Amino acid sequence: MSRRKAGIENDEIHQIIDKYANLVVASELSGIDLSEEAGYVKDMLEEHPEYVEDFLSGKDRDGMNPRVHIFVESVIQTQIGSNDPTEVRKAHLALMAGPLLDAHEARHAIGALFLQILWHALREHWPPDQFLSEYRRRLRELATKKTRDEVWEGLT
């Protein structure tokens, strides 16, 4: 199967992310509030000051795209804040219970899970309801993990 038939290509994804990042930066510079989600992007950048320069330039950092990192964390924070799907907040709270993970690490674990499922969904052309069903199922499973090692097993 050609890359084109497999769905949206990496270059197209990067172009979309770049355009959104530029929009967020422009809104910040002009003082225009885009949305609650854009606020989460700003919050995530404050938590990751080491990524700000690379976020603005779009340059990869040590093999990782800071824009993708920040946007995924923002998506997860949006889901936690809106409690949609409800399993996200439950998983986030469960991962922070006891000595497991702090809030930031829990967001990273959920983000890793989200990207893993999204990758399969795009590659295998899942309909949105299949993606959401699998995401919810895996979030419920993630919430049952009792150790840090169990949390990260299969996510890295």
N, C-alpha and C. Protein backbone atom coordinates (compact mmCIF):
# COMPACT_ATOMS: atom_id res chain seq x y z
N MET A 1 0.86 -1.18 0.00
CA MET A 1 0.00 0.00 0.00
C MET A 1 0.89 1.24 0.00
N SER A 2 0.58 2.19 -0.83
CA SER A 2 1.39 3.40 -0.90
C SER A 2 1.19 4.24 0.36
N ARG A 3 2.17 5.09 0.61
CA ARG A 3 2.07 5.97 1.79
C ARG A 3 0.83 6.84 1.69
N ARG A 4 0.51 7.28 0.49
CA ARG A 4 -0.64 8.16 0.31
C ARG A 4 -1.93 7.46 0.68
N LYS A 5 -2.07 6.20 0.28
CA LYS A 5 -3.29 5.45 0.58
C LYS A 5 -3.38 5.13 2.06
N ALA A 6 -2.27 5.12 2.75
CA ALA A 6 -2.27 4.79 4.18
C ALA A 6 -2.85 5.92 5.02
N GLY A 7 -3.19 7.02 4.40
CA GLY A 7 -3.76 8.14 5.15
C GLY A 7 -2.87 9.35 5.03
N ILE A 8 -3.00 10.25 5.96
CA ILE A 8 -2.25 11.49 5.93
C ILE A 8 -0.76 11.19 6.12
N GLU A 9 0.08 11.85 5.37
CA GLU A 9 1.52 11.61 5.42
C GLU A 9 2.17 12.44 6.52
N ASN A 10 3.37 11.98 6.95
CA ASN A 10 4.11 12.70 7.99
C ASN A 10 4.34 14.16 7.62
N ASP A 11 4.68 14.43 6.36
CA ASP A 11 4.93 15.82 5.94
C ASP A 11 3.68 16.67 6.14
N GLU A 12 2.52 16.11 5.82
CA GLU A 12 1.27 16.84 5.99
C GLU A 12 0.98 17.08 7.47
N ILE A 13 1.25 16.09 8.28
CA ILE A 13 1.05 16.24 9.73
C ILE A 13 1.95 17.35 10.26
N HIS A 14 3.21 17.34 9.84
CA HIS A 14 4.14 18.38 10.29
C HIS A 14 3.69 19.76 9.81
N GLN A 15 3.16 19.87 8.60
CA GLN A 15 2.68 21.15 8.10
C GLN A 15 1.50 21.66 8.93
N ILE A 16 0.59 20.77 9.28
CA ILE A 16 -0.56 21.15 10.11
C ILE A 16 -0.08 21.61 11.48
N ILE A 17 0.82 20.85 12.07
CA ILE A 17 1.36 21.20 13.40
C ILE A 17 2.09 22.54 13.32
N ASP A 18 2.88 22.74 12.27
CA ASP A 18 3.61 24.00 12.12
C ASP A 18 2.66 25.19 12.00
N LYS A 19 1.60 25.02 11.21
CA LYS A 19 0.63 26.11 11.06
C LYS A 19 -0.06 26.44 12.38
N TYR A 20 -0.43 25.40 13.13
CA TYR A 20 -1.08 25.64 14.42
C TYR A 20 -0.11 26.29 15.40
N ALA A 21 1.14 25.82 15.42
CA ALA A 21 2.14 26.41 16.31
C ALA A 21 2.34 27.89 15.99
N ASN A 22 2.41 28.21 14.71
CA ASN A 22 2.56 29.61 14.31
C ASN A 22 1.35 30.44 14.73
N LEU A 23 0.17 29.86 14.63
CA LEU A 23 -1.04 30.54 15.05
C LEU A 23 -1.04 30.81 16.56
N VAL A 24 -0.60 29.80 17.34
CA VAL A 24 -0.52 29.97 18.79
C VAL A 24 0.47 31.08 19.13
N VAL A 25 1.64 31.07 18.48
CA VAL A 25 2.66 32.09 18.74
C VAL A 25 2.12 33.47 18.36
N ALA A 26 1.49 33.58 17.20
CA ALA A 26 0.94 34.87 16.75
C ALA A 26 -0.13 35.37 17.71
N SER A 27 -0.97 34.47 18.19
CA SER A 27 -2.02 34.88 19.12
C SER A 27 -1.42 35.38 20.43
N GLU A 28 -0.36 34.73 20.88
CA GLU A 28 0.31 35.15 22.11
C GLU A 28 0.92 36.54 21.93
N LEU A 29 1.60 36.74 20.81
CA LEU A 29 2.26 38.04 20.55
C LEU A 29 1.25 39.17 20.39
N SER A 30 0.08 38.85 19.83
CA SER A 30 -0.92 39.89 19.60
C SER A 30 -1.91 40.05 20.75
N GLY A 31 -1.82 39.14 21.73
CA GLY A 31 -2.72 39.23 22.87
C GLY A 31 -4.12 38.71 22.61
N ILE A 32 -4.29 37.97 21.52
CA ILE A 32 -5.60 37.41 21.18
C ILE A 32 -5.69 36.00 21.77
N ASP A 33 -6.74 35.74 22.54
CA ASP A 33 -6.93 34.43 23.12
C ASP A 33 -7.66 33.55 22.12
N LEU A 34 -7.00 32.50 21.64
CA LEU A 34 -7.60 31.62 20.64
C LEU A 34 -8.66 30.70 21.23
N SER A 35 -8.29 30.01 22.27
CA SER A 35 -9.19 29.01 22.83
C SER A 35 -8.62 28.51 24.14
N GLU A 36 -9.41 27.73 24.83
CA GLU A 36 -8.92 27.08 26.05
C GLU A 36 -7.76 26.15 25.71
N GLU A 37 -7.86 25.47 24.56
CA GLU A 37 -6.80 24.55 24.15
C GLU A 37 -5.48 25.29 23.94
N ALA A 38 -5.54 26.47 23.34
CA ALA A 38 -4.32 27.26 23.15
C ALA A 38 -3.73 27.64 24.50
N GLY A 39 -4.59 27.86 25.48
CA GLY A 39 -4.11 28.12 26.84
C GLY A 39 -3.36 26.93 27.40
N TYR A 40 -3.83 25.74 27.10
CA TYR A 40 -3.12 24.53 27.55
C TYR A 40 -1.76 24.43 26.87
N VAL A 41 -1.67 24.83 25.60
CA VAL A 41 -0.38 24.83 24.91
C VAL A 41 0.58 25.75 25.65
N LYS A 42 0.10 26.94 26.01
CA LYS A 42 0.94 27.88 26.76
C LYS A 42 1.36 27.28 28.10
N ASP A 43 0.43 26.61 28.79
CA ASP A 43 0.75 25.97 30.07
C ASP A 43 1.82 24.91 29.90
N MET A 44 1.70 24.11 28.85
CA MET A 44 2.68 23.04 28.62
C MET A 44 4.05 23.62 28.29
N LEU A 45 4.07 24.73 27.54
CA LEU A 45 5.35 25.38 27.25
C LEU A 45 5.99 25.93 28.52
N GLU A 46 5.16 26.41 29.45
CA GLU A 46 5.70 26.88 30.73
C GLU A 46 6.29 25.72 31.52
N GLU A 47 5.73 24.53 31.39
CA GLU A 47 6.27 23.36 32.07
C GLU A 47 7.52 22.83 31.37
N HIS A 48 7.72 23.22 30.11
CA HIS A 48 8.86 22.76 29.31
C HIS A 48 9.61 23.95 28.73
N PRO A 49 10.20 24.79 29.56
CA PRO A 49 10.91 25.95 29.01
C PRO A 49 12.06 25.56 28.08
N GLU A 50 12.58 24.36 28.26
CA GLU A 50 13.68 23.89 27.41
C GLU A 50 13.24 23.67 25.96
N TYR A 51 11.92 23.60 25.72
CA TYR A 51 11.41 23.35 24.37
C TYR A 51 10.95 24.61 23.66
N VAL A 52 10.90 25.73 24.34
CA VAL A 52 10.30 26.93 23.76
C VAL A 52 11.00 27.34 22.46
N GLU A 53 12.31 27.43 22.47
CA GLU A 53 13.04 27.86 21.26
C GLU A 53 12.79 26.90 20.11
N ASP A 54 12.87 25.60 20.38
CA ASP A 54 12.65 24.61 19.32
C ASP A 54 11.18 24.57 18.90
N PHE A 55 10.27 24.85 19.82
CA PHE A 55 8.85 24.91 19.49
C PHE A 55 8.62 26.04 18.49
N LEU A 56 9.23 27.18 18.75
CA LEU A 56 9.05 28.34 17.87
C LEU A 56 9.67 28.11 16.49
N SER A 57 10.82 27.44 16.46
CA SER A 57 11.51 27.22 15.18
C SER A 57 11.01 25.98 14.45
N GLY A 58 10.41 25.04 15.17
CA GLY A 58 9.96 23.80 14.56
C GLY A 58 11.08 22.77 14.44
N LYS A 59 12.21 23.07 15.06
CA LYS A 59 13.38 22.19 14.98
C LYS A 59 13.24 21.01 15.95
N ASP A 60 13.59 19.81 15.48
CA ASP A 60 13.58 18.64 16.35
C ASP A 60 14.66 18.78 17.41
N ARG A 61 14.41 18.15 18.55
CA ARG A 61 15.36 18.19 19.66
C ARG A 61 15.65 16.76 20.07
N ASP A 62 16.88 16.33 19.86
CA ASP A 62 17.30 14.98 20.23
C ASP A 62 16.35 13.92 19.67
N GLY A 63 15.98 14.07 18.39
CA GLY A 63 15.12 13.09 17.75
C GLY A 63 13.64 13.20 18.10
N MET A 64 13.26 14.22 18.84
CA MET A 64 11.87 14.40 19.26
C MET A 64 11.39 15.75 18.75
N ASN A 65 10.16 15.80 18.28
CA ASN A 65 9.59 17.04 17.80
C ASN A 65 8.89 17.74 18.98
N PRO A 66 9.44 18.86 19.46
CA PRO A 66 8.85 19.54 20.61
C PRO A 66 7.40 19.98 20.37
N ARG A 67 7.07 20.31 19.12
CA ARG A 67 5.69 20.73 18.83
C ARG A 67 4.73 19.56 19.06
N VAL A 68 5.09 18.39 18.56
CA VAL A 68 4.23 17.22 18.77
C VAL A 68 4.12 16.93 20.26
N HIS A 69 5.24 16.97 20.97
CA HIS A 69 5.26 16.71 22.41
C HIS A 69 4.30 17.65 23.15
N ILE A 70 4.44 18.93 22.88
CA ILE A 70 3.61 19.94 23.55
C ILE A 70 2.14 19.78 23.16
N PHE A 71 1.87 19.56 21.89
CA PHE A 71 0.48 19.44 21.45
C PHE A 71 -0.18 18.19 22.03
N VAL A 72 0.54 17.08 22.10
CA VAL A 72 -0.05 15.87 22.67
C VAL A 72 -0.35 16.09 24.15
N GLU A 73 0.59 16.68 24.87
CA GLU A 73 0.32 16.97 26.29
C GLU A 73 -0.87 17.91 26.43
N SER A 74 -1.00 18.85 25.51
CA SER A 74 -2.13 19.78 25.56
C SER A 74 -3.45 19.06 25.29
N VAL A 75 -3.44 18.14 24.34
CA VAL A 75 -4.64 17.35 24.06
C VAL A 75 -5.05 16.57 25.30
N ILE A 76 -4.08 15.93 25.93
CA ILE A 76 -4.39 15.13 27.13
C ILE A 76 -4.90 16.05 28.24
N GLN A 77 -4.28 17.21 28.43
CA GLN A 77 -4.74 18.13 29.48
C GLN A 77 -6.15 18.63 29.17
N THR A 78 -6.46 18.86 27.90
CA THR A 78 -7.80 19.26 27.50
C THR A 78 -8.80 18.16 27.85
N GLN A 79 -8.43 16.91 27.55
CA GLN A 79 -9.31 15.79 27.87
C GLN A 79 -9.52 15.65 29.37
N ILE A 80 -8.46 15.83 30.15
CA ILE A 80 -8.57 15.76 31.61
C ILE A 80 -9.49 16.88 32.09
N GLY A 81 -9.25 18.10 31.59
CA GLY A 81 -10.03 19.25 32.03
C GLY A 81 -11.51 19.15 31.68
N SER A 82 -11.81 18.57 30.53
CA SER A 82 -13.21 18.46 30.11
C SER A 82 -13.85 17.13 30.53
N ASN A 83 -13.02 16.25 31.09
CA ASN A 83 -13.48 14.91 31.50
C ASN A 83 -14.13 14.18 30.31
N ASP A 84 -13.48 14.30 29.16
CA ASP A 84 -14.00 13.67 27.95
C ASP A 84 -12.86 13.13 27.11
N PRO A 85 -12.72 11.84 27.01
CA PRO A 85 -13.56 10.82 27.62
C PRO A 85 -13.29 10.70 29.12
N THR A 86 -14.28 10.24 29.84
CA THR A 86 -14.18 10.18 31.31
C THR A 86 -13.04 9.29 31.78
N GLU A 87 -12.67 8.33 30.98
CA GLU A 87 -11.59 7.41 31.36
C GLU A 87 -10.24 8.11 31.47
N VAL A 88 -10.08 9.24 30.78
CA VAL A 88 -8.80 9.96 30.84
C VAL A 88 -8.56 10.50 32.25
N ARG A 89 -9.54 11.20 32.79
CA ARG A 89 -9.37 11.75 34.13
C ARG A 89 -9.21 10.63 35.17
N LYS A 90 -9.99 9.57 35.02
CA LYS A 90 -9.88 8.43 35.94
C LYS A 90 -8.48 7.82 35.88
N ALA A 91 -7.96 7.64 34.68
CA ALA A 91 -6.62 7.08 34.53
C ALA A 91 -5.57 8.03 35.11
N HIS A 92 -5.73 9.31 34.84
CA HIS A 92 -4.78 10.32 35.34
C HIS A 92 -4.74 10.28 36.87
N LEU A 93 -5.90 10.26 37.50
CA LEU A 93 -5.96 10.22 38.96
C LEU A 93 -5.40 8.90 39.50
N ALA A 94 -5.72 7.80 38.84
CA ALA A 94 -5.24 6.49 39.29
C ALA A 94 -3.72 6.41 39.19
N LEU A 95 -3.15 6.97 38.13
CA LEU A 95 -1.70 6.93 37.96
C LEU A 95 -0.99 7.79 39.00
N MET A 96 -1.66 8.79 39.53
CA MET A 96 -1.06 9.66 40.55
C MET A 96 -1.27 9.14 41.96
N ALA A 97 -2.14 8.14 42.12
CA ALA A 97 -2.42 7.58 43.45
C ALA A 97 -1.20 6.81 43.94
N GLY A 98 -0.91 6.92 45.21
CA GLY A 98 0.23 6.21 45.76
C GLY A 98 1.53 6.76 45.19
N PRO A 99 2.54 5.93 45.14
CA PRO A 99 3.86 6.38 44.69
C PRO A 99 4.10 6.20 43.19
N LEU A 100 3.02 6.15 42.39
CA LEU A 100 3.23 5.86 40.97
C LEU A 100 3.88 7.01 40.22
N LEU A 101 3.09 7.98 39.78
CA LEU A 101 3.60 9.05 38.91
C LEU A 101 3.10 10.40 39.40
N ASP A 102 3.85 11.46 39.08
CA ASP A 102 3.32 12.79 39.35
C ASP A 102 2.41 13.18 38.19
N ALA A 103 1.76 14.32 38.27
CA ALA A 103 0.78 14.74 37.27
C ALA A 103 1.39 14.82 35.87
N HIS A 104 2.61 15.33 35.79
CA HIS A 104 3.28 15.48 34.50
C HIS A 104 3.60 14.11 33.90
N GLU A 105 4.16 13.22 34.71
CA GLU A 105 4.48 11.88 34.22
C GLU A 105 3.21 11.13 33.81
N ALA A 106 2.14 11.32 34.56
CA ALA A 106 0.87 10.65 34.23
C ALA A 106 0.36 11.15 32.87
N ARG A 107 0.49 12.45 32.61
CA ARG A 107 0.11 13.00 31.30
C ARG A 107 0.96 12.38 30.19
N HIS A 108 2.25 12.20 30.47
CA HIS A 108 3.14 11.58 29.49
C HIS A 108 2.71 10.15 29.19
N ALA A 109 2.37 9.39 30.22
CA ALA A 109 1.95 8.00 30.02
C ALA A 109 0.67 7.94 29.18
N ILE A 110 -0.29 8.80 29.50
CA ILE A 110 -1.54 8.83 28.74
C ILE A 110 -1.28 9.30 27.32
N GLY A 111 -0.39 10.28 27.16
CA GLY A 111 -0.03 10.76 25.83
C GLY A 111 0.64 9.67 24.99
N ALA A 112 1.51 8.89 25.61
CA ALA A 112 2.15 7.78 24.90
C ALA A 112 1.11 6.77 24.44
N LEU A 113 0.16 6.48 25.31
CA LEU A 113 -0.93 5.57 24.96
C LEU A 113 -1.76 6.15 23.81
N PHE A 114 -2.11 7.42 23.91
CA PHE A 114 -2.89 8.11 22.87
C PHE A 114 -2.20 8.01 21.51
N LEU A 115 -0.89 8.32 21.48
CA LEU A 115 -0.15 8.28 20.21
C LEU A 115 -0.06 6.86 19.66
N GLN A 116 0.12 5.89 20.54
CA GLN A 116 0.19 4.51 20.11
C GLN A 116 -1.11 4.09 19.41
N ILE A 117 -2.23 4.43 20.02
CA ILE A 117 -3.52 4.06 19.45
C ILE A 117 -3.80 4.87 18.19
N LEU A 118 -3.46 6.15 18.19
CA LEU A 118 -3.65 7.00 17.02
C LEU A 118 -2.85 6.46 15.83
N TRP A 119 -1.62 6.04 16.08
CA TRP A 119 -0.78 5.49 15.02
C TRP A 119 -1.46 4.29 14.38
N HIS A 120 -1.96 3.37 15.20
CA HIS A 120 -2.66 2.19 14.67
C HIS A 120 -3.92 2.59 13.91
N ALA A 121 -4.66 3.53 14.47
CA ALA A 121 -5.91 3.96 13.85
C ALA A 121 -5.65 4.56 12.46
N LEU A 122 -4.63 5.39 12.35
CA LEU A 122 -4.31 6.01 11.05
C LEU A 122 -3.77 4.98 10.06
N ARG A 123 -2.94 4.12 10.56
CA ARG A 123 -2.32 3.11 9.70
C ARG A 123 -3.34 2.10 9.18
N GLU A 124 -4.29 1.75 10.05
CA GLU A 124 -5.25 0.69 9.71
C GLU A 124 -6.62 1.24 9.32
N HIS A 125 -6.72 2.57 9.18
CA HIS A 125 -7.96 3.23 8.73
C HIS A 125 -9.15 2.91 9.63
N TRP A 126 -8.95 3.02 10.94
CA TRP A 126 -10.06 2.77 11.86
C TRP A 126 -11.07 3.90 11.76
N PRO A 127 -12.34 3.57 11.87
CA PRO A 127 -13.34 4.64 11.99
C PRO A 127 -13.21 5.29 13.38
N PRO A 128 -13.67 6.52 13.53
CA PRO A 128 -13.52 7.23 14.81
C PRO A 128 -14.07 6.46 16.02
N ASP A 129 -15.18 5.77 15.85
CA ASP A 129 -15.74 5.05 17.00
C ASP A 129 -14.85 3.90 17.43
N GLN A 130 -14.15 3.27 16.51
CA GLN A 130 -13.21 2.20 16.87
C GLN A 130 -12.02 2.78 17.63
N PHE A 131 -11.52 3.93 17.16
CA PHE A 131 -10.42 4.60 17.86
C PHE A 131 -10.84 4.92 19.30
N LEU A 132 -12.00 5.54 19.45
CA LEU A 132 -12.45 5.95 20.78
C LEU A 132 -12.69 4.74 21.68
N SER A 133 -13.27 3.71 21.14
CA SER A 133 -13.52 2.50 21.92
C SER A 133 -12.21 1.88 22.41
N GLU A 134 -11.23 1.79 21.53
CA GLU A 134 -9.93 1.21 21.91
C GLU A 134 -9.21 2.12 22.90
N TYR A 135 -9.27 3.42 22.71
CA TYR A 135 -8.65 4.38 23.62
C TYR A 135 -9.25 4.24 25.02
N ARG A 136 -10.57 4.19 25.10
CA ARG A 136 -11.23 4.04 26.39
C ARG A 136 -10.85 2.72 27.06
N ARG A 137 -10.83 1.65 26.29
CA ARG A 137 -10.48 0.34 26.84
C ARG A 137 -9.06 0.35 27.40
N ARG A 138 -8.14 0.90 26.64
CA ARG A 138 -6.74 0.93 27.08
C ARG A 138 -6.53 1.88 28.25
N LEU A 139 -7.30 2.97 28.31
CA LEU A 139 -7.22 3.87 29.48
C LEU A 139 -7.69 3.15 30.74
N ARG A 140 -8.77 2.39 30.65
CA ARG A 140 -9.25 1.62 31.81
C ARG A 140 -8.18 0.63 32.26
N GLU A 141 -7.53 0.01 31.29
CA GLU A 141 -6.46 -0.94 31.58
C GLU A 141 -5.27 -0.22 32.24
N LEU A 142 -4.90 0.93 31.71
CA LEU A 142 -3.79 1.71 32.26
C LEU A 142 -4.05 2.10 33.71
N ALA A 143 -5.30 2.42 34.01
CA ALA A 143 -5.67 2.85 35.37
C ALA A 143 -5.50 1.74 36.41
N THR A 144 -5.36 0.50 35.98
CA THR A 144 -5.22 -0.61 36.93
C THR A 144 -3.77 -0.91 37.28
N LYS A 145 -2.84 -0.25 36.63
CA LYS A 145 -1.41 -0.53 36.86
C LYS A 145 -1.02 -0.13 38.27
N LYS A 146 -0.19 -0.96 38.90
CA LYS A 146 0.17 -0.76 40.30
C LYS A 146 1.60 -0.28 40.52
N THR A 147 2.45 -0.40 39.50
CA THR A 147 3.84 0.05 39.64
C THR A 147 4.23 0.90 38.43
N ARG A 148 5.28 1.67 38.61
CA ARG A 148 5.79 2.50 37.51
C ARG A 148 6.16 1.63 36.30
N ASP A 149 6.82 0.48 36.59
CA ASP A 149 7.22 -0.41 35.50
C ASP A 149 6.01 -0.93 34.74
N GLU A 150 4.94 -1.27 35.44
CA GLU A 150 3.72 -1.74 34.78
C GLU A 150 3.13 -0.64 33.90
N VAL A 151 3.18 0.59 34.38
CA VAL A 151 2.62 1.71 33.61
C VAL A 151 3.34 1.83 32.28
N TRP A 152 4.67 1.80 32.30
CA TRP A 152 5.45 2.08 31.10
C TRP A 152 5.63 0.86 30.20
N GLU A 153 5.34 -0.34 30.73
CA GLU A 153 5.47 -1.55 29.93
C GLU A 153 4.53 -1.45 28.71
N GLY A 154 5.09 -1.59 27.55
CA GLY A 154 4.29 -1.52 26.32
C GLY A 154 4.03 -0.12 25.80
N LEU A 155 4.43 0.91 26.54
CA LEU A 155 4.20 2.29 26.10
C LEU A 155 5.47 2.92 25.52
N THR A 156 6.62 2.33 25.78
CA THR A 156 7.86 2.95 25.31
C THR A 156 8.49 2.14 24.22
